[in-house]
Amino acid sequence: MSRTAQLPRPDHWWRESKKLARLTGPILVAQLTQMLMGVVDTVMAGRVSATDLAAVSVGGSIWFPSTLLVFGMGLALAPIISHFDGANKRHKVANMVQQGFYAALIGSLLCVAVIFSAPLILNAMAVEDNFRTITLDYLGYLIWAVPALVLYMVLRNFCEGLSHTVPSLVIGIIGLLVNIPANYILIYGKFGTPAMGGAGCGLATAIVLWVMALGLLVYVLWAKRFKAIGVFQQWFKPDWDDIWYIVRLGFPIATAMFFEVSLFAAAALVIAPLGATMVASHQIALNISSLVYMVPLSLSMAVTLRVGFALGAGNPANAMLSHKLATIYGMTFAAVNGLIMWLAGGWLASLYTPDQGVINLAATLMGLAAIFTLSDTFQAVAMGTLRGYKDTKAVMFITFVSYWPFGLTIGILLSRTDIIVPAMGAAGMWIGFIIGLSIAAVLLTWRLRKVSQRYDRNLLAGNLKESAAD
């Protein structure tokens, strides 16, 4: 019997498109609210003093990488739960969610360790005393947010794993609405509270994370759609097979995220000695690109859920249909936005600064960012699809090779040396970004093709191995 006769046929493309859109929309809003919280923190801290702004920036640069393991363990839950959902094995979800808590708690130890190591990091940076004090106070408040982050990430991915993304949207908006007044009161000392400056931003962030985590917990406990699952009706002891399974999926996700974050951080350090105009132009182009990236990132997260569900239901053809549709829609969006960045780069840059030198250079960089957006979208969707297949280790290796030996190395050679061409400054680094992300897109697509073909063969042969979680 032929392959097409044995495997289920995919859903109609329009029905799958609607399902993908219903997942992507709320995730996009949730991601945008998180970005806006960072903007609020920056703007409000900056109004106090340059030192407070710098302390919040450096504190955030220490805090965010330390949370990546928690994010990785949480994101690993989504495809596991979506597989259960597609296979009608919801009775196994509660145990796996609780094992996810244990795994995320293990990941949270890195947060605690990094925060306690912050004095050593700041000593190595040789910062002034006031800067050091504000940064350490900021991080000291954030350590109380670690349990809330664990709770929020696990419950968010539990909901999203069951294709219910609206809670992420609602909780994200609530978090933003709490963040603004909390910052206002604590940073500036309103309503009888002492003015805490940048340190108050850390306390406000901790409060917001607890509000979001507890809000999501209340929803999970009371929502009718989750009653039958009973996430907390029975308490499960740690099962080290399941915990290790989540860690095996989550650690590569966290590591791949670190490679991406560190690529852009390293690029900023490479460009920093080239002068304020070059740095400002680079930052403007990167900020606009990051905003545009929220759409492919949300599509990537949504396609993980659709692929996981399809594979759980034994329909790999529908999994690949989801991937193709997400790629088409993501690339269409990237093309339109890339055209806008290319044609209106100068106008967009003028929204950030009146400096004509910065505007002109930023417009040039945004022409390159238009190409960068296409590569970034293609690789993001492929990465999300592979997560749906629970194939994360290969993604980790591909992102490392693409981002560092190729993207960063070529960027340094083009921007700071005359080895290949005369030094190009920030433009050379953006060409490095394009090359690195393009290589990632090709390799991830090749890997997806191999994984999907192997999955189909195993399904046809009836010898798919069940994981510890299944």
Protein backbone atom coordinates (compact mmCIF):
# COMPACT_ATOMS: atom_id res chain seq x y z
CA MET A 1 0.00 0.00 0.00
CA SER A 2 1.30 3.46 -0.82
CA ARG A 3 2.34 6.01 1.75
CA THR A 4 -0.59 8.34 0.99
CA ALA A 5 -3.06 5.46 1.32
CA GLN A 6 -1.80 4.53 4.76
CA LEU A 7 -1.24 7.92 6.41
CA PRO A 8 -4.18 10.26 7.20
CA ARG A 9 -4.71 13.14 4.80
CA PRO A 10 -4.10 16.71 5.99
CA ASP A 11 -6.94 19.05 6.91
CA HIS A 12 -8.14 21.64 4.40
CA TRP A 13 -5.64 24.51 4.27
CA TRP A 14 -8.27 27.13 5.17
CA ARG A 15 -9.43 25.29 8.29
CA GLU A 16 -5.83 24.81 9.39
CA SER A 17 -5.11 28.47 8.70
CA LYS A 18 -7.93 29.53 11.00
CA LYS A 19 -6.68 27.25 13.78
CA LEU A 20 -3.17 28.62 13.37
CA ALA A 21 -4.44 32.21 13.47
CA ARG A 22 -6.51 31.60 16.61
CA LEU A 23 -3.36 30.44 18.38
CA THR A 24 -1.00 33.05 16.95
CA GLY A 25 -3.09 36.17 17.72
CA PRO A 26 -3.19 35.85 21.53
CA ILE A 27 0.45 34.73 21.68
CA LEU A 28 1.44 37.82 19.68
CA VAL A 29 -0.39 40.15 22.07
CA ALA A 30 1.20 38.39 25.06
CA GLN A 31 4.68 38.81 23.53
CA LEU A 32 4.05 42.48 22.76
CA THR A 33 2.93 43.17 26.33
CA GLN A 34 6.18 41.65 27.60
CA MET A 35 8.16 43.88 25.25
CA LEU A 36 6.17 46.94 26.35
CA MET A 37 6.92 46.17 29.99
CA GLY A 38 10.61 46.41 29.16
CA VAL A 39 10.00 49.74 27.40
CA VAL A 40 8.12 51.07 30.45
CA ASP A 41 10.97 50.02 32.76
CA THR A 42 13.53 51.75 30.54
CA VAL A 43 11.59 54.99 30.10
CA MET A 44 10.63 55.38 33.77
CA ALA A 45 14.08 54.51 35.12
CA GLY A 46 15.66 56.86 32.58
CA ARG A 47 13.65 59.79 33.89
CA VAL A 48 15.33 59.44 37.29
CA SER A 49 18.94 59.54 36.11
CA ALA A 50 21.36 58.06 33.61
CA THR A 51 22.84 55.97 36.42
CA ASP A 52 19.46 54.44 37.28
CA LEU A 53 18.80 53.69 33.62
CA ALA A 54 22.21 52.06 33.23
CA ALA A 55 21.73 50.03 36.43
CA VAL A 56 18.35 48.70 35.23
CA SER A 57 19.87 47.90 31.84
CA VAL A 58 22.84 46.02 33.30
CA GLY A 59 20.63 44.33 35.91
CA GLY A 60 18.29 43.17 33.18
CA SER A 61 21.25 41.89 31.16
CA ILE A 62 22.22 39.75 34.15
CA TRP A 63 18.65 38.68 35.01
CA PHE A 64 17.34 37.64 31.59
CA PRO A 65 20.07 35.11 30.64
CA SER A 66 19.77 33.56 34.10
CA THR A 67 16.08 32.81 33.44
CA LEU A 68 16.64 30.95 30.16
CA LEU A 69 16.61 27.49 31.77
CA VAL A 70 13.22 28.24 33.32
CA PHE A 71 11.95 29.39 29.93
CA GLY A 72 13.43 26.28 28.29
CA MET A 73 11.77 23.86 30.72
CA GLY A 74 8.47 25.67 30.32
CA LEU A 75 8.64 25.68 26.52
CA ALA A 76 9.47 21.95 26.54
CA LEU A 77 6.10 21.27 28.18
CA ALA A 78 4.03 22.75 25.35
CA PRO A 79 4.79 20.10 22.67
CA ILE A 80 4.58 17.28 25.24
CA ILE A 81 1.11 18.37 26.32
CA SER A 82 -0.04 19.05 22.75
CA HIS A 83 0.99 15.48 21.83
CA PHE A 84 -1.14 14.20 24.72
CA ASP A 85 -4.02 16.39 23.58
CA GLY A 86 -3.86 15.13 20.00
CA ALA A 87 -3.65 11.51 21.18
CA ASN A 88 -6.62 11.93 23.57
CA LYS A 89 -4.37 11.21 26.57
CA ARG A 90 -5.39 14.18 28.70
CA HIS A 91 -5.38 11.95 31.79
CA LYS A 92 -1.57 12.08 31.62
CA VAL A 93 -1.33 15.87 31.52
CA ALA A 94 -1.61 16.60 35.27
CA ASN A 95 1.36 14.42 36.16
CA MET A 96 3.48 15.90 33.40
CA VAL A 97 2.64 19.47 34.44
CA GLN A 98 3.81 18.74 37.97
CA GLN A 99 6.98 17.10 36.66
CA GLY A 100 7.42 20.31 34.65
CA PHE A 101 7.35 22.26 37.92
CA TYR A 102 10.13 20.11 39.31
CA ALA A 103 12.19 20.54 36.13
CA ALA A 104 11.64 24.32 36.09
CA LEU A 105 12.61 24.55 39.75
CA ILE A 106 15.88 22.83 38.89
CA GLY A 107 16.36 25.40 36.13
CA SER A 108 15.59 28.23 38.56
CA LEU A 109 18.67 27.36 40.59
CA LEU A 110 20.67 29.10 37.85
CA CYS A 111 18.70 32.32 38.49
CA VAL A 112 19.55 32.20 42.17
CA ALA A 113 23.19 31.35 41.54
CA VAL A 114 23.66 34.18 39.02
CA ILE A 115 22.01 36.78 41.26
CA PHE A 116 24.18 35.76 44.21
CA SER A 117 27.19 36.03 41.89
CA ALA A 118 26.19 39.53 40.72
CA PRO A 119 28.61 41.33 43.10
CA LEU A 120 31.51 39.44 41.49
CA ILE A 121 30.24 40.33 38.00
CA LEU A 122 29.97 44.03 38.90
CA ASN A 123 33.38 44.00 40.57
CA ALA A 124 34.86 42.69 37.34
CA MET A 125 33.15 45.54 35.48
CA ALA A 126 34.70 48.08 37.89
CA VAL A 127 31.52 50.16 38.11
CA GLU A 128 31.08 53.12 40.46
CA ASP A 129 29.59 52.55 43.92
CA ASN A 130 26.18 54.15 43.31
CA PHE A 131 25.73 52.21 40.06
CA ARG A 132 26.71 49.00 41.86
CA THR A 133 24.28 49.60 44.73
CA ILE A 134 21.29 50.28 42.49
CA THR A 135 22.02 47.23 40.32
CA LEU A 136 22.36 44.90 43.29
CA ASP A 137 19.18 46.25 44.90
CA TYR A 138 17.35 45.77 41.58
CA LEU A 139 18.51 42.14 41.38
CA GLY A 140 17.87 41.58 45.08
CA TYR A 141 14.18 42.27 44.57
CA LEU A 142 14.07 40.08 41.47
CA ILE A 143 15.23 37.02 43.38
CA TRP A 144 11.79 36.99 45.06
CA ALA A 145 10.24 36.73 41.61
CA VAL A 146 11.94 33.42 40.75
CA PRO A 147 9.16 31.16 42.16
CA ALA A 148 6.55 33.29 40.39
CA LEU A 149 8.43 32.94 37.10
CA VAL A 150 8.48 29.14 37.49
CA LEU A 151 4.75 29.04 38.25
CA TYR A 152 3.86 31.37 35.38
CA MET A 153 5.98 29.64 32.73
CA VAL A 154 4.70 26.15 33.58
CA LEU A 155 1.04 27.19 33.73
CA ARG A 156 1.29 29.28 30.56
CA ASN A 157 2.73 26.38 28.59
CA PHE A 158 0.17 24.03 30.11
CA CYS A 159 -2.61 26.25 28.74
CA GLU A 160 -0.91 26.75 25.39
CA GLY A 161 -0.11 23.05 25.11
CA LEU A 162 -3.87 22.47 25.16
CA SER A 163 -4.24 25.07 22.36
CA HIS A 164 -5.72 27.63 24.75
CA THR A 165 -3.70 30.81 24.24
CA VAL A 166 -6.24 33.44 25.35
CA PRO A 167 -5.07 33.29 29.02
CA SER A 168 -1.59 34.36 27.88
CA LEU A 169 -3.15 37.40 26.21
CA VAL A 170 -5.31 38.38 29.20
CA ILE A 171 -2.60 37.82 31.81
CA GLY A 172 -0.10 39.71 29.66
CA ILE A 173 -2.39 42.75 29.49
CA ILE A 174 -3.02 42.56 33.25
CA GLY A 175 0.73 42.42 33.83
CA LEU A 176 1.30 45.53 31.71
CA LEU A 177 -1.51 47.41 33.49
CA VAL A 178 0.02 46.54 36.87
CA ASN A 179 3.57 47.29 35.72
CA ILE A 180 2.93 50.94 34.85
CA PRO A 181 1.47 52.12 38.22
CA ALA A 182 3.81 49.83 40.21
CA ASN A 183 6.82 51.42 38.51
CA TYR A 184 5.37 54.90 38.96
CA ILE A 185 4.78 54.43 42.68
CA LEU A 186 8.00 52.62 43.55
CA ILE A 187 10.49 54.41 41.28
CA TYR A 188 9.29 57.96 42.02
CA GLY A 189 8.03 57.44 45.59
CA LYS A 190 4.32 58.21 45.26
CA PHE A 191 1.50 57.75 47.80
CA GLY A 192 3.82 57.80 50.78
CA THR A 193 6.33 55.21 49.54
CA PRO A 194 10.04 56.07 49.44
CA ALA A 195 11.51 56.90 46.03
CA MET A 196 13.52 53.82 45.12
CA GLY A 197 14.75 54.83 41.67
CA GLY A 198 15.97 52.01 39.44
CA ALA A 199 15.82 49.53 42.32
CA GLY A 200 12.05 50.10 42.50
CA CYS A 201 11.87 48.79 38.94
CA GLY A 202 13.09 45.40 40.22
CA LEU A 203 10.47 45.33 42.98
CA ALA A 204 7.76 46.33 40.50
CA THR A 205 8.82 43.51 38.16
CA ALA A 206 8.65 41.01 41.04
CA ILE A 207 5.14 42.22 41.94
CA VAL A 208 4.02 41.97 38.31
CA LEU A 209 5.34 38.41 37.96
CA TRP A 210 3.51 37.33 41.12
CA VAL A 211 0.28 38.97 39.91
CA MET A 212 0.59 37.20 36.55
CA ALA A 213 1.47 33.83 38.11
CA LEU A 214 -1.30 33.91 40.72
CA GLY A 215 -3.81 35.20 38.18
CA LEU A 216 -3.02 32.31 35.86
CA LEU A 217 -3.17 29.86 38.78
CA VAL A 218 -6.66 31.07 39.75
CA TYR A 219 -7.78 30.71 36.14
CA VAL A 220 -6.40 27.16 35.83
CA LEU A 221 -8.08 26.14 39.10
CA TRP A 222 -11.49 27.60 38.24
CA ALA A 223 -11.82 27.27 34.44
CA LYS A 224 -14.36 24.62 33.46
CA ARG A 225 -12.27 23.47 30.49
CA PHE A 226 -9.52 22.30 32.88
CA LYS A 227 -11.73 20.66 35.54
CA ALA A 228 -11.48 17.20 33.98
CA ILE A 229 -7.68 17.41 33.88
CA GLY A 230 -7.40 18.30 37.57
CA VAL A 231 -3.85 19.62 37.50
CA PHE A 232 -3.68 19.87 41.30
CA GLN A 233 -6.34 17.39 42.41
CA GLN A 234 -3.62 14.83 43.07
CA TRP A 235 -0.03 15.56 44.00
CA PHE A 236 2.56 13.52 42.12
CA LYS A 237 6.00 12.76 43.50
CA PRO A 238 9.03 13.60 41.36
CA ASP A 239 9.44 11.03 38.61
CA TRP A 240 13.06 11.31 37.52
CA ASP A 241 12.43 9.64 34.16
CA ASP A 242 9.85 12.29 33.27
CA ILE A 243 11.90 15.13 34.78
CA TRP A 244 14.96 14.03 32.82
CA TYR A 245 12.83 13.79 29.68
CA ILE A 246 11.69 17.41 30.12
CA VAL A 247 15.26 18.51 30.86
CA ARG A 248 16.50 16.73 27.71
CA LEU A 249 14.00 18.72 25.66
CA GLY A 250 14.22 21.98 27.60
CA PHE A 251 17.98 22.37 28.01
CA PRO A 252 18.64 22.53 24.22
CA ILE A 253 15.78 25.06 23.87
CA ALA A 254 17.34 27.25 26.57
CA THR A 255 20.80 26.86 25.05
CA ALA A 256 19.57 27.82 21.57
CA MET A 257 17.94 30.91 23.09
CA PHE A 258 21.23 31.75 24.79
CA PHE A 259 23.13 31.48 21.50
CA GLU A 260 20.69 33.94 19.91
CA VAL A 261 20.75 36.39 22.83
CA SER A 262 24.52 36.23 23.11
CA LEU A 263 24.92 36.80 19.36
CA PHE A 264 23.25 40.19 19.57
CA ALA A 265 24.95 41.05 22.87
CA ALA A 266 28.37 40.23 21.38
CA ALA A 267 27.53 42.26 18.26
CA ALA A 268 26.78 45.30 20.43
CA LEU A 269 30.19 44.95 22.09
CA VAL A 270 31.89 44.71 18.68
CA ILE A 271 30.14 47.84 17.41
CA ALA A 272 30.53 49.86 20.66
CA PRO A 273 34.06 51.21 19.91
CA LEU A 274 32.94 52.55 16.51
CA GLY A 275 31.30 55.66 17.98
CA ALA A 276 27.95 56.92 19.25
CA THR A 277 26.45 57.42 15.77
CA MET A 278 27.22 53.85 14.73
CA VAL A 279 25.91 52.41 18.02
CA ALA A 280 22.71 54.48 17.96
CA SER A 281 21.97 53.54 14.34
CA HIS A 282 22.53 49.86 15.10
CA GLN A 283 20.26 50.05 18.14
CA ILE A 284 17.43 51.68 16.18
CA ALA A 285 17.58 49.05 13.41
CA LEU A 286 17.73 46.27 16.01
CA ASN A 287 14.80 47.70 17.97
CA ILE A 288 12.56 47.88 14.89
CA SER A 289 13.62 44.40 13.78
CA SER A 290 12.86 43.03 17.25
CA LEU A 291 9.37 44.49 17.10
CA VAL A 292 8.75 42.97 13.66
CA TYR A 293 10.13 39.63 14.91
CA MET A 294 7.23 39.30 17.36
CA VAL A 295 5.03 38.01 14.52
CA PRO A 296 7.31 35.14 13.32
CA LEU A 297 8.11 34.32 16.96
CA SER A 298 4.40 34.01 17.73
CA LEU A 299 3.87 31.93 14.58
CA SER A 300 6.76 29.71 15.67
CA MET A 301 5.17 29.11 19.07
CA ALA A 302 1.76 28.48 17.50
CA VAL A 303 3.09 26.01 14.92
CA THR A 304 4.78 24.06 17.73
CA LEU A 305 1.33 23.48 19.24
CA ARG A 306 -0.35 22.57 15.95
CA VAL A 307 2.47 20.18 14.98
CA GLY A 308 2.45 18.54 18.40
CA PHE A 309 -1.31 18.07 18.26
CA ALA A 310 -1.17 16.63 14.73
CA LEU A 311 1.58 14.17 15.61
CA GLY A 312 -0.25 13.11 18.76
CA ALA A 313 -3.29 12.44 16.60
CA GLY A 314 -1.16 10.33 14.22
CA ASN A 315 -1.45 12.79 11.32
CA PRO A 316 2.06 13.92 10.30
CA ALA A 317 0.71 15.25 6.99
CA ASN A 318 -1.25 17.88 8.91
CA ALA A 319 1.87 18.72 10.92
CA MET A 320 3.72 19.59 7.72
CA LEU A 321 0.70 21.48 6.40
CA SER A 322 0.87 23.66 9.53
CA HIS A 323 4.56 24.25 8.90
CA LYS A 324 4.02 25.21 5.26
CA LEU A 325 1.17 27.60 6.08
CA ALA A 326 3.11 29.23 8.93
CA THR A 327 6.09 29.68 6.60
CA ILE A 328 3.94 31.22 3.84
CA TYR A 329 2.16 33.63 6.17
CA GLY A 330 5.33 34.50 8.07
CA MET A 331 7.34 35.16 4.92
CA THR A 332 4.53 37.25 3.44
CA PHE A 333 4.46 39.40 6.57
CA ALA A 334 8.28 39.63 6.55
CA ALA A 335 8.30 40.67 2.89
CA VAL A 336 5.76 43.45 3.45
CA ASN A 337 7.54 44.74 6.53
CA GLY A 338 10.92 44.39 4.87
CA LEU A 339 9.66 46.56 2.01
CA ILE A 340 8.46 49.18 4.50
CA MET A 341 11.84 49.16 6.31
CA TRP A 342 13.67 49.47 3.01
CA LEU A 343 11.53 52.31 1.61
CA ALA A 344 10.74 54.17 4.84
CA GLY A 345 13.85 53.45 6.92
CA GLY A 346 14.75 57.11 7.27
CA TRP A 347 11.28 58.09 8.46
CA LEU A 348 11.20 55.24 10.98
CA ALA A 349 14.61 56.26 12.32
CA SER A 350 13.44 59.87 12.67
CA LEU A 351 10.88 58.66 15.22
CA TYR A 352 13.82 57.80 17.50
CA THR A 353 16.19 60.74 16.97
CA PRO A 354 16.50 64.11 15.20
CA ASP A 355 20.20 63.46 14.47
CA GLN A 356 20.46 63.32 10.67
CA GLY A 357 23.71 61.33 10.73
CA VAL A 358 22.09 58.63 12.85
CA ILE A 359 18.98 58.67 10.67
CA ASN A 360 20.94 58.19 7.44
CA LEU A 361 23.01 55.31 8.79
CA ALA A 362 19.99 53.66 10.44
CA ALA A 363 18.14 53.82 7.11
CA THR A 364 21.01 51.92 5.47
CA LEU A 365 21.01 49.30 8.22
CA MET A 366 17.25 48.86 7.92
CA GLY A 367 17.70 48.06 4.26
CA LEU A 368 19.85 45.14 5.44
CA ALA A 369 17.35 44.41 8.23
CA ALA A 370 14.70 43.90 5.54
CA ILE A 371 16.70 40.91 4.24
CA PHE A 372 17.54 39.79 7.78
CA THR A 373 13.80 39.65 8.58
CA LEU A 374 13.17 37.13 5.79
CA SER A 375 15.90 34.76 6.98
CA ASP A 376 14.87 35.20 10.62
CA THR A 377 11.25 34.33 9.86
CA PHE A 378 12.12 31.23 7.85
CA GLN A 379 14.40 29.83 10.56
CA ALA A 380 11.99 30.72 13.39
CA VAL A 381 9.11 28.76 11.85
CA ALA A 382 11.35 25.76 11.11
CA MET A 383 12.62 25.86 14.70
CA GLY A 384 9.06 25.93 16.05
CA THR A 385 8.08 22.98 13.87
CA LEU A 386 11.05 20.94 15.09
CA ARG A 387 10.02 21.67 18.69
CA GLY A 388 6.62 20.22 17.79
CA TYR A 389 8.46 17.07 16.72
CA LYS A 390 10.30 17.21 20.09
CA ASP A 391 13.56 17.52 18.15
CA THR A 392 15.51 20.12 20.13
CA LYS A 393 19.07 18.82 20.42
CA ALA A 394 19.81 19.26 16.71
CA VAL A 395 18.38 22.79 16.87
CA MET A 396 20.85 23.63 19.62
CA PHE A 397 23.84 22.52 17.53
CA ILE A 398 22.55 24.18 14.35
CA THR A 399 21.97 27.52 16.06
CA PHE A 400 25.42 27.45 17.64
CA VAL A 401 27.20 26.74 14.36
CA SER A 402 25.09 29.23 12.40
CA TYR A 403 25.13 32.10 14.89
CA TRP A 404 28.70 31.98 16.22
CA PRO A 405 31.27 30.42 13.83
CA PHE A 406 29.42 31.90 10.84
CA GLY A 407 27.20 34.86 11.83
CA LEU A 408 29.35 36.50 14.50
CA THR A 409 32.73 35.63 13.00
CA ILE A 410 31.80 36.95 9.54
CA GLY A 411 30.21 40.00 11.16
CA ILE A 412 33.42 40.80 13.03
CA LEU A 413 35.56 40.31 9.92
CA LEU A 414 33.33 42.56 7.82
CA SER A 415 32.69 45.25 10.43
CA ARG A 416 36.09 45.66 12.09
CA THR A 417 38.77 44.32 9.71
CA ASP A 418 39.98 44.74 6.13
CA ILE A 419 40.60 41.01 5.62
CA ILE A 420 37.67 40.43 3.22
CA VAL A 421 36.66 43.99 2.26
CA PRO A 422 37.43 47.40 3.76
CA ALA A 423 35.89 47.58 7.24
CA MET A 424 32.13 48.20 6.86
CA GLY A 425 31.22 49.14 10.43
CA ALA A 426 27.75 48.20 11.67
CA ALA A 427 26.65 47.23 8.15
CA GLY A 428 29.21 44.41 8.20
CA MET A 429 27.71 43.03 11.39
CA TRP A 430 24.24 43.06 9.86
CA ILE A 431 25.55 41.15 6.83
CA GLY A 432 26.94 38.64 9.34
CA PHE A 433 23.47 38.39 10.89
CA ILE A 434 21.95 37.70 7.47
CA ILE A 435 24.51 35.01 6.64
CA GLY A 436 24.20 33.31 10.03
CA LEU A 437 20.40 33.27 10.04
CA SER A 438 20.27 32.15 6.40
CA ILE A 439 22.55 29.20 7.20
CA ALA A 440 20.33 28.38 10.19
CA ALA A 441 17.23 28.52 7.97
CA VAL A 442 18.76 26.08 5.45
CA LEU A 443 20.08 23.65 8.07
CA LEU A 444 16.89 23.69 10.14
CA THR A 445 14.77 23.07 7.04
CA TRP A 446 17.07 20.19 6.03
CA ARG A 447 16.80 18.76 9.55
CA LEU A 448 13.01 19.08 9.50
CA ARG A 449 12.82 17.23 6.20
CA LYS A 450 14.91 14.36 7.63
CA VAL A 451 12.94 14.22 10.89
CA SER A 452 9.54 14.30 9.19
CA GLN A 453 10.51 11.60 6.68
CA ARG A 454 11.85 9.37 9.46
CA TYR A 455 8.70 9.95 11.50
CA ASP A 456 6.51 8.97 8.54
CA ARG A 457 8.53 5.79 7.91
CA ASN A 458 8.34 4.77 11.56
CA LEU A 459 4.62 5.46 11.70
CA LEU A 460 4.01 3.38 8.59
CA ALA A 461 6.11 0.56 10.03
CA GLY A 462 4.26 0.81 13.34
CA ASN A 463 7.48 1.06 15.33
CA LEU A 464 7.35 4.58 16.76
CA LYS A 465 9.04 4.46 20.17
CA GLU A 466 7.11 6.06 22.98
CA SER A 467 9.01 8.47 25.17
CA ALA A 468 9.07 8.40 28.94
CA ALA A 469 6.38 11.08 28.87
CA ASP A 470 4.05 8.99 26.68
